[in-house]
Amino acid sequence: MKPQSSDFCDELFGRKVPKKPMEIPKRATAVNQLKAKREQPKTISDVAYQYFLDQLGVGTVVEHKKFGEGVIAEMEKGKIWIAFEEGTKSF
């Protein structure tokens, strides 16, 4: 069987490669898809937020959207350290 060159190799070695037309979605469709994916931020009152902060403490198990489950390791005014499986992160 004779080996065939790829488009990548042809471009790499300067051979002309016929370009395939790229299908571009209509702008309105693309914008609507982006808007649909975006979540609106949740808002809570100052009183509810303060109550939430009062409930937090060292040893509390929390869930992070990106890092998963973690445990609060340390808290200082304005800063918190959470121990996740992949390491400790500060917020």
PDB file of N, CA and C in Angstrom:
ATOM      1  N   MET A   1       0.838  -1.169   0.000  1.00  0.00           N
ATOM      2  CA  MET A   1       0.000   0.000   0.000  1.00  0.00           C
ATOM      3  C   MET A   1       0.887   1.237   0.000  1.00  0.00           C
ATOM      4  N   LYS A   2       0.589   2.152  -0.891  1.00  0.00           N
ATOM      5  CA  LYS A   2       1.370   3.380  -1.025  1.00  0.00           C
ATOM      6  C   LYS A   2       0.945   4.394   0.043  1.00  0.00           C
ATOM      7  N   PRO A   3       1.916   4.937   0.810  1.00  0.00           N
ATOM      8  CA  PRO A   3       1.545   5.920   1.841  1.00  0.00           C
ATOM      9  C   PRO A   3       1.043   7.211   1.198  1.00  0.00           C
ATOM     10  N   GLN A   4       0.050   7.814   1.832  1.00  0.00           N
ATOM     11  CA  GLN A   4      -0.499   9.069   1.341  1.00  0.00           C
ATOM     12  C   GLN A   4      -0.045  10.200   2.264  1.00  0.00           C
ATOM     13  N   SER A   5       0.214  11.337   1.668  1.00  0.00           N
ATOM     14  CA  SER A   5       0.607  12.475   2.497  1.00  0.00           C
ATOM     15  C   SER A   5      -0.644  13.160   3.031  1.00  0.00           C
ATOM     16  N   SER A   6      -0.495  13.805   4.164  1.00  0.00           N
ATOM     17  CA  SER A   6      -1.615  14.520   4.764  1.00  0.00           C
ATOM     18  C   SER A   6      -1.568  15.987   4.345  1.00  0.00           C
ATOM     19  N   ASP A   7      -2.697  16.681   4.544  1.00  0.00           N
ATOM     20  CA  ASP A   7      -2.748  18.114   4.255  1.00  0.00           C
ATOM     21  C   ASP A   7      -1.714  18.859   5.096  1.00  0.00           C
ATOM     22  N   PHE A   8      -1.559  18.428   6.338  1.00  0.00           N
ATOM     23  CA  PHE A   8      -0.592  19.070   7.235  1.00  0.00           C
ATOM     24  C   PHE A   8       0.817  18.964   6.661  1.00  0.00           C
ATOM     25  N   CYS A   9       1.207  17.746   6.226  1.00  0.00           N
ATOM     26  CA  CYS A   9       2.556  17.546   5.676  1.00  0.00           C
ATOM     27  C   CYS A   9       2.736  18.325   4.375  1.00  0.00           C
ATOM     28  N   ASP A  10       1.692  18.325   3.537  1.00  0.00           N
ATOM     29  CA  ASP A  10       1.790  19.073   2.293  1.00  0.00           C
ATOM     30  C   ASP A  10       2.012  20.557   2.568  1.00  0.00           C
ATOM     31  N   GLU A  11       1.289  21.108   3.535  1.00  0.00           N
ATOM     32  CA  GLU A  11       1.483  22.518   3.881  1.00  0.00           C
ATOM     33  C   GLU A  11       2.863  22.742   4.477  1.00  0.00           C
ATOM     34  N   LEU A  12       3.299  21.808   5.315  1.00  0.00           N
ATOM     35  CA  LEU A  12       4.591  21.921   5.977  1.00  0.00           C
ATOM     36  C   LEU A  12       5.728  21.959   4.967  1.00  0.00           C
ATOM     37  N   PHE A  13       5.640  21.129   3.918  1.00  0.00           N
ATOM     38  CA  PHE A  13       6.712  21.051   2.932  1.00  0.00           C
ATOM     39  C   PHE A  13       6.487  21.958   1.731  1.00  0.00           C
ATOM     40  N   GLY A  14       5.493  22.840   1.809  1.00  0.00           N
ATOM     41  CA  GLY A  14       5.308  23.846   0.779  1.00  0.00           C
ATOM     42  C   GLY A  14       4.549  23.382  -0.447  1.00  0.00           C
ATOM     43  N   ARG A  15       3.936  22.219  -0.394  1.00  0.00           N
ATOM     44  CA  ARG A  15       3.118  21.774  -1.521  1.00  0.00           C
ATOM     45  C   ARG A  15       1.778  22.484  -1.450  1.00  0.00           C
ATOM     46  N   LYS A  16       1.216  22.758  -2.602  1.00  0.00           N
ATOM     47  CA  LYS A  16      -0.079  23.434  -2.626  1.00  0.00           C
ATOM     48  C   LYS A  16      -1.174  22.444  -2.254  1.00  0.00           C
ATOM     49  N   VAL A  17      -2.008  22.867  -1.363  1.00  0.00           N
ATOM     50  CA  VAL A  17      -3.121  22.039  -0.913  1.00  0.00           C
ATOM     51  C   VAL A  17      -4.406  22.778  -1.236  1.00  0.00           C
ATOM     52  N   PRO A  18      -5.347  22.094  -1.887  1.00  0.00           N
ATOM     53  CA  PRO A  18      -6.614  22.784  -2.138  1.00  0.00           C
ATOM     54  C   PRO A  18      -7.320  23.052  -0.813  1.00  0.00           C
ATOM     55  N   LYS A  19      -7.683  24.290  -0.620  1.00  0.00           N
ATOM     56  CA  LYS A  19      -8.351  24.667   0.628  1.00  0.00           C
ATOM     57  C   LYS A  19      -9.809  24.263   0.569  1.00  0.00           C
ATOM     58  N   LYS A  20     -10.277  23.693   1.662  1.00  0.00           N
ATOM     59  CA  LYS A  20     -11.671  23.306   1.761  1.00  0.00           C
ATOM     60  C   LYS A  20     -12.453  24.501   2.279  1.00  0.00           C
ATOM     61  N   PRO A  21     -13.618  24.775   1.679  1.00  0.00           N
ATOM     62  CA  PRO A  21     -14.393  25.916   2.170  1.00  0.00           C
ATOM     63  C   PRO A  21     -14.860  25.681   3.598  1.00  0.00           C
ATOM     64  N   MET A  22     -14.784  26.725   4.376  1.00  0.00           N
ATOM     65  CA  MET A  22     -15.170  26.645   5.784  1.00  0.00           C
ATOM     66  C   MET A  22     -16.595  27.146   5.940  1.00  0.00           C
ATOM     67  N   GLU A  23     -17.407  26.370   6.612  1.00  0.00           N
ATOM     68  CA  GLU A  23     -18.789  26.779   6.822  1.00  0.00           C
ATOM     69  C   GLU A  23     -18.857  27.669   8.053  1.00  0.00           C
ATOM     70  N   ILE A  24     -19.314  28.888   7.865  1.00  0.00           N
ATOM     71  CA  ILE A  24     -19.401  29.846   8.957  1.00  0.00           C
ATOM     72  C   ILE A  24     -20.870  30.032   9.311  1.00  0.00           C
ATOM     73  N   PRO A  25     -21.226  29.814  10.578  1.00  0.00           N
ATOM     74  CA  PRO A  25     -22.624  29.989  10.962  1.00  0.00           C
ATOM     75  C   PRO A  25     -23.017  31.453  10.887  1.00  0.00           C
ATOM     76  N   LYS A  26     -24.296  31.688  10.680  1.00  0.00           N
ATOM     77  CA  LYS A  26     -24.794  33.056  10.639  1.00  0.00           C
ATOM     78  C   LYS A  26     -24.550  33.710  11.987  1.00  0.00           C
ATOM     79  N   ARG A  27     -24.235  34.983  11.968  1.00  0.00           N
ATOM     80  CA  ARG A  27     -23.873  35.709  13.181  1.00  0.00           C
ATOM     81  C   ARG A  27     -24.962  35.630  14.237  1.00  0.00           C
ATOM     82  N   ALA A  28     -26.188  35.818  13.872  1.00  0.00           N
ATOM     83  CA  ALA A  28     -27.275  35.809  14.841  1.00  0.00           C
ATOM     84  C   ALA A  28     -27.360  34.462  15.554  1.00  0.00           C
ATOM     85  N   THR A  29     -27.183  33.389  14.810  1.00  0.00           N
ATOM     86  CA  THR A  29     -27.231  32.059  15.409  1.00  0.00           C
ATOM     87  C   THR A  29     -26.097  31.873  16.410  1.00  0.00           C
ATOM     88  N   ALA A  30     -24.887  32.272  16.041  1.00  0.00           N
ATOM     89  CA  ALA A  30     -23.732  32.128  16.923  1.00  0.00           C
ATOM     90  C   ALA A  30     -23.897  32.953  18.191  1.00  0.00           C
ATOM     91  N   VAL A  31     -24.390  34.168  18.059  1.00  0.00           N
ATOM     92  CA  VAL A  31     -24.579  35.040  19.220  1.00  0.00           C
ATOM     93  C   VAL A  31     -25.634  34.456  20.149  1.00  0.00           C
ATOM     94  N   ASN A  32     -26.723  33.954  19.589  1.00  0.00           N
ATOM     95  CA  ASN A  32     -27.778  33.357  20.407  1.00  0.00           C
ATOM     96  C   ASN A  32     -27.280  32.122  21.153  1.00  0.00           C
ATOM     97  N   GLN A  33     -26.429  31.326  20.511  1.00  0.00           N
ATOM     98  CA  GLN A  33     -25.876  30.149  21.179  1.00  0.00           C
ATOM     99  C   GLN A  33     -24.992  30.566  22.349  1.00  0.00           C
ATOM    100  N   LEU A  34     -24.200  31.622  22.181  1.00  0.00           N
ATOM    101  CA  LEU A  34     -23.349  32.105  23.266  1.00  0.00           C
ATOM    102  C   LEU A  34     -24.180  32.621  24.430  1.00  0.00           C
ATOM    103  N   LYS A  35     -25.247  33.364  24.122  1.00  0.00           N
ATOM    104  CA  LYS A  35     -26.105  33.901  25.170  1.00  0.00           C
ATOM    105  C   LYS A  35     -26.788  32.783  25.935  1.00  0.00           C
ATOM    106  N   ALA A  36     -27.180  31.728  25.254  1.00  0.00           N
ATOM    107  CA  ALA A  36     -27.871  30.612  25.898  1.00  0.00           C
ATOM    108  C   ALA A  36     -26.939  29.877  26.857  1.00  0.00           C
ATOM    109  N   LYS A  37     -25.643  29.790  26.535  1.00  0.00           N
ATOM    110  CA  LYS A  37     -24.686  29.070  27.368  1.00  0.00           C
ATOM    111  C   LYS A  37     -24.341  29.832  28.643  1.00  0.00           C
ATOM    112  N   ARG A  38     -24.375  31.159  28.580  1.00  0.00           N
ATOM    113  CA  ARG A  38     -24.001  31.994  29.712  1.00  0.00           C
ATOM    114  C   ARG A  38     -25.032  31.902  30.818  1.00  0.00           C
ATOM    115  N   GLU A  39     -24.599  31.667  32.024  1.00  0.00           N
ATOM    116  CA  GLU A  39     -25.503  31.649  33.170  1.00  0.00           C
ATOM    117  C   GLU A  39     -25.528  33.030  33.806  1.00  0.00           C
ATOM    118  N   GLN A  40     -26.676  33.419  34.248  1.00  0.00           N
ATOM    119  CA  GLN A  40     -26.795  34.688  34.949  1.00  0.00           C
ATOM    120  C   GLN A  40     -26.272  34.523  36.371  1.00  0.00           C
ATOM    121  N   PRO A  41     -25.504  35.486  36.875  1.00  0.00           N
ATOM    122  CA  PRO A  41     -25.006  35.375  38.245  1.00  0.00           C
ATOM    123  C   PRO A  41     -26.159  35.414  39.240  1.00  0.00           C
ATOM    124  N   LYS A  42     -25.997  34.646  40.309  1.00  0.00           N
ATOM    125  CA  LYS A  42     -27.015  34.619  41.351  1.00  0.00           C
ATOM    126  C   LYS A  42     -26.784  35.786  42.289  1.00  0.00           C
ATOM    127  N   THR A  43     -27.855  36.452  42.669  1.00  0.00           N
ATOM    128  CA  THR A  43     -27.726  37.564  43.597  1.00  0.00           C
ATOM    129  C   THR A  43     -28.452  37.222  44.893  1.00  0.00           C
ATOM    130  N   ILE A  44     -27.845  37.631  46.003  1.00  0.00           N
ATOM    131  CA  ILE A  44     -28.464  37.434  47.312  1.00  0.00           C
ATOM    132  C   ILE A  44     -28.359  38.736  48.088  1.00  0.00           C
ATOM    133  N   SER A  45     -29.188  38.865  49.093  1.00  0.00           N
ATOM    134  CA  SER A  45     -29.176  40.090  49.889  1.00  0.00           C
ATOM    135  C   SER A  45     -27.921  40.133  50.771  1.00  0.00           C
ATOM    136  N   ASP A  46     -27.608  41.311  51.278  1.00  0.00           N
ATOM    137  CA  ASP A  46     -26.460  41.469  52.170  1.00  0.00           C
ATOM    138  C   ASP A  46     -26.636  40.641  53.441  1.00  0.00           C
ATOM    139  N   VAL A  47     -27.855  40.576  53.946  1.00  0.00           N
ATOM    140  CA  VAL A  47     -28.127  39.802  55.161  1.00  0.00           C
ATOM    141  C   VAL A  47     -27.896  38.316  54.907  1.00  0.00           C
ATOM    142  N   ALA A  48     -28.383  37.818  53.766  1.00  0.00           N
ATOM    143  CA  ALA A  48     -28.200  36.406  53.424  1.00  0.00           C
ATOM    144  C   ALA A  48     -26.723  36.086  53.213  1.00  0.00           C
ATOM    145  N   TYR A  49     -26.000  37.021  52.597  1.00  0.00           N
ATOM    146  CA  TYR A  49     -24.571  36.825  52.373  1.00  0.00           C
ATOM    147  C   TYR A  49     -23.817  36.765  53.694  1.00  0.00           C
ATOM    148  N   GLN A  50     -24.136  37.645  54.615  1.00  0.00           N
ATOM    149  CA  GLN A  50     -23.480  37.646  55.923  1.00  0.00           C
ATOM    150  C   GLN A  50     -23.784  36.357  56.680  1.00  0.00           C
ATOM    151  N   TYR A  51     -25.024  35.880  56.600  1.00  0.00           N
ATOM    152  CA  TYR A  51     -25.399  34.613  57.236  1.00  0.00           C
ATOM    153  C   TYR A  51     -24.573  33.466  56.642  1.00  0.00           C
ATOM    154  N   PHE A  52     -24.427  33.485  55.328  1.00  0.00           N
ATOM    155  CA  PHE A  52     -23.620  32.474  54.642  1.00  0.00           C
ATOM    156  C   PHE A  52     -22.182  32.497  55.155  1.00  0.00           C
ATOM    157  N   LEU A  53     -21.591  33.689  55.254  1.00  0.00           N
ATOM    158  CA  LEU A  53     -20.210  33.811  55.741  1.00  0.00           C
ATOM    159  C   LEU A  53     -20.077  33.327  57.179  1.00  0.00           C
ATOM    160  N   ASP A  54     -21.089  33.616  58.012  1.00  0.00           N
ATOM    161  CA  ASP A  54     -21.047  33.189  59.409  1.00  0.00           C
ATOM    162  C   ASP A  54     -21.072  31.670  59.545  1.00  0.00           C
ATOM    163  N   GLN A  55     -21.650  30.978  58.568  1.00  0.00           N
ATOM    164  CA  GLN A  55     -21.739  29.517  58.607  1.00  0.00           C
ATOM    165  C   GLN A  55     -20.430  28.841  58.199  1.00  0.00           C
ATOM    166  N   LEU A  56     -19.577  29.569  57.486  1.00  0.00           N
ATOM    167  CA  LEU A  56     -18.304  29.001  57.037  1.00  0.00           C
ATOM    168  C   LEU A  56     -17.321  28.937  58.184  1.00  0.00           C
ATOM    169  N   GLY A  57     -16.485  27.924  58.167  1.00  0.00           N
ATOM    170  CA  GLY A  57     -15.448  27.796  59.174  1.00  0.00           C
ATOM    171  C   GLY A  57     -14.464  26.724  58.761  1.00  0.00           C
ATOM    172  N   VAL A  58     -13.337  26.670  59.440  1.00  0.00           N
ATOM    173  CA  VAL A  58     -12.331  25.655  59.154  1.00  0.00           C
ATOM    174  C   VAL A  58     -12.965  24.282  59.341  1.00  0.00           C
ATOM    175  N   GLY A  59     -12.760  23.410  58.358  1.00  0.00           N
ATOM    176  CA  GLY A  59     -13.319  22.063  58.405  1.00  0.00           C
ATOM    177  C   GLY A  59     -14.617  21.917  57.634  1.00  0.00           C
ATOM    178  N   THR A  60     -15.201  23.025  57.175  1.00  0.00           N
ATOM    179  CA  THR A  60     -16.437  22.965  56.405  1.00  0.00           C
ATOM    180  C   THR A  60     -16.143  22.407  55.018  1.00  0.00           C
ATOM    181  N   VAL A  61     -16.953  21.452  54.577  1.00  0.00           N
ATOM    182  CA  VAL A  61     -16.803  20.877  53.247  1.00  0.00           C
ATOM    183  C   VAL A  61     -17.555  21.763  52.261  1.00  0.00           C
ATOM    184  N   VAL A  62     -16.874  22.127  51.170  1.00  0.00           N
ATOM    185  CA  VAL A  62     -17.461  22.991  50.147  1.00  0.00           C
ATOM    186  C   VAL A  62     -17.307  22.330  48.780  1.00  0.00           C
ATOM    187  N   GLU A  63     -18.098  22.790  47.822  1.00  0.00           N
ATOM    188  CA  GLU A  63     -18.042  22.287  46.451  1.00  0.00           C
ATOM    189  C   GLU A  63     -17.687  23.440  45.528  1.00  0.00           C
ATOM    190  N   HIS A  64     -16.616  23.289  44.747  1.00  0.00           N
ATOM    191  CA  HIS A  64     -16.187  24.309  43.787  1.00  0.00           C
ATOM    192  C   HIS A  64     -16.522  23.827  42.387  1.00  0.00           C
ATOM    193  N   LYS A  65     -16.951  24.731  41.535  1.00  0.00           N
ATOM    194  CA  LYS A  65     -17.376  24.390  40.183  1.00  0.00           C
ATOM    195  C   LYS A  65     -16.253  23.732  39.379  1.00  0.00           C
ATOM    196  N   LYS A  66     -15.031  24.209  39.527  1.00  0.00           N
ATOM    197  CA  LYS A  66     -13.905  23.701  38.735  1.00  0.00           C
ATOM    198  C   LYS A  66     -13.102  22.626  39.480  1.00  0.00           C
ATOM    199  N   PHE A  67     -12.831  22.833  40.773  1.00  0.00           N
ATOM    200  CA  PHE A  67     -11.925  21.960  41.512  1.00  0.00           C
ATOM    201  C   PHE A  67     -12.627  20.822  42.249  1.00  0.00           C
ATOM    202  N   GLY A  68     -13.950  20.868  42.333  1.00  0.00           N
ATOM    203  CA  GLY A  68     -14.687  19.794  42.996  1.00  0.00           C
ATOM    204  C   GLY A  68     -14.804  20.030  44.494  1.00  0.00           C
ATOM    205  N   GLU A  69     -14.902  18.917  45.230  1.00  0.00           N
ATOM    206  CA  GLU A  69     -15.106  18.993  46.678  1.00  0.00           C
ATOM    207  C   GLU A  69     -13.804  19.332  47.395  1.00  0.00           C
ATOM    208  N   GLY A  70     -13.915  20.195  48.405  1.00  0.00           N
ATOM    209  CA  GLY A  70     -12.753  20.589  49.184  1.00  0.00           C
ATOM    210  C   GLY A  70     -13.148  20.912  50.610  1.00  0.00           C
ATOM    211  N   VAL A  71     -12.157  21.111  51.450  1.00  0.00           N
ATOM    212  CA  VAL A  71     -12.375  21.423  52.865  1.00  0.00           C
ATOM    213  C   VAL A  71     -11.672  22.740  53.181  1.00  0.00           C
ATOM    214  N   ILE A  72     -12.375  23.629  53.883  1.00  0.00           N
ATOM    215  CA  ILE A  72     -11.778  24.902  54.270  1.00  0.00           C
ATOM    216  C   ILE A  72     -10.644  24.625  55.250  1.00  0.00           C
ATOM    217  N   ALA A  73      -9.432  25.035  54.880  1.00  0.00           N
ATOM    218  CA  ALA A  73      -8.255  24.776  55.695  1.00  0.00           C
ATOM    219  C   ALA A  73      -7.899  25.953  56.590  1.00  0.00           C
ATOM    220  N   GLU A  74      -8.134  27.179  56.090  1.00  0.00           N
ATOM    221  CA  GLU A  74      -7.762  28.373  56.859  1.00  0.00           C
ATOM    222  C   GLU A  74      -8.583  29.549  56.365  1.00  0.00           C
ATOM    223  N   MET A  75      -8.887  30.457  57.292  1.00  0.00           N
ATOM    224  CA  MET A  75      -9.632  31.673  56.924  1.00  0.00           C
ATOM    225  C   MET A  75      -8.999  32.867  57.613  1.00  0.00           C
ATOM    226  N   GLU A  76      -8.855  33.953  56.851  1.00  0.00           N
ATOM    227  CA  GLU A  76      -8.440  35.243  57.380  1.00  0.00           C
ATOM    228  C   GLU A  76      -9.399  36.257  56.797  1.00  0.00           C
ATOM    229  N   LYS A  77      -9.380  37.461  57.311  1.00  0.00           N
ATOM    230  CA  LYS A  77     -10.277  38.485  56.793  1.00  0.00           C
ATOM    231  C   LYS A  77     -10.012  38.702  55.297  1.00  0.00           C
ATOM    232  N   GLY A  78     -11.005  38.409  54.488  1.00  0.00           N
ATOM    233  CA  GLY A  78     -10.894  38.619  53.051  1.00  0.00           C
ATOM    234  C   GLY A  78     -10.197  37.517  52.279  1.00  0.00           C
ATOM    235  N   LYS A  79      -9.732  36.453  52.924  1.00  0.00           N
ATOM    236  CA  LYS A  79      -9.024  35.389  52.223  1.00  0.00           C
ATOM    237  C   LYS A  79      -9.380  34.042  52.847  1.00  0.00           C
ATOM    238  N   ILE A  80      -9.466  33.023  51.977  1.00  0.00           N
ATOM    239  CA  ILE A  80      -9.809  31.676  52.434  1.00  0.00           C
ATOM    240  C   ILE A  80      -8.937  30.668  51.686  1.00  0.00           C
ATOM    241  N   TRP A  81      -8.482  29.641  52.363  1.00  0.00           N
ATOM    242  CA  TRP A  81      -7.699  28.578  51.750  1.00  0.00           C
ATOM    243  C   TRP A  81      -8.528  27.299  51.819  1.00  0.00           C
ATOM    244  N   ILE A  82      -8.684  26.661  50.664  1.00  0.00           N
ATOM    245  CA  ILE A  82      -9.464  25.436  50.589  1.00  0.00           C
ATOM    246  C   ILE A  82      -8.571  24.320  50.074  1.00  0.00           C
ATOM    247  N   ALA A  83      -8.566  23.196  50.788  1.00  0.00           N
ATOM    248  CA  ALA A  83      -7.769  22.031  50.405  1.00  0.00           C
ATOM    249  C   ALA A  83      -8.600  21.144  49.483  1.00  0.00           C
ATOM    250  N   PHE A  84      -8.141  21.014  48.241  1.00  0.00           N
ATOM    251  CA  PHE A  84      -8.765  20.135  47.263  1.00  0.00           C
ATOM    252  C   PHE A  84      -7.869  18.930  47.057  1.00  0.00           C
ATOM    253  N   GLU A  85      -8.364  17.945  46.343  1.00  0.00           N
ATOM    254  CA  GLU A  85      -7.594  16.738  46.095  1.00  0.00           C
ATOM    255  C   GLU A  85      -6.278  17.054  45.384  1.00  0.00           C
ATOM    256  N   GLU A  86      -6.299  18.036  44.472  1.00  0.00           N
ATOM    257  CA  GLU A  86      -5.101  18.371  43.718  1.00  0.00           C
ATOM    258  C   GLU A  86      -4.227  19.433  44.374  1.00  0.00           C
ATOM    259  N   GLY A  87      -4.586  19.897  45.553  1.00  0.00           N
ATOM    260  CA  GLY A  87      -3.780  20.889  46.257  1.00  0.00           C
ATOM    261  C   GLY A  87      -4.635  21.970  46.883  1.00  0.00           C
ATOM    262  N   THR A  88      -3.999  22.837  47.657  1.00  0.00           N
ATOM    263  CA  THR A  88      -4.701  23.914  48.335  1.00  0.00           C
ATOM    264  C   THR A  88      -4.751  25.145  47.453  1.00  0.00           C
ATOM    265  N   LYS A  89      -5.919  25.767  47.393  1.00  0.00           N
ATOM    266  CA  LYS A  89      -6.127  26.974  46.592  1.00  0.00           C
ATOM    267  C   LYS A  89      -6.576  28.099  47.518  1.00  0.00           C
ATOM    268  N   SER A  90      -6.160  29.322  47.195  1.00  0.00           N
ATOM    269  CA  SER A  90      -6.597  30.469  47.995  1.00  0.00           C
ATOM    270  C   SER A  90      -7.562  31.309  47.174  1.00  0.00           C
ATOM    271  N   PHE A  91      -8.552  31.857  47.858  1.00  0.00           N
ATOM    272  CA  PHE A  91      -9.574  32.690  47.215  1.00  0.00           C
ATOM    273  C   PHE A  91      -9.751  33.956  48.015  1.00  0.00           C
TER     274      PHE A  91
END
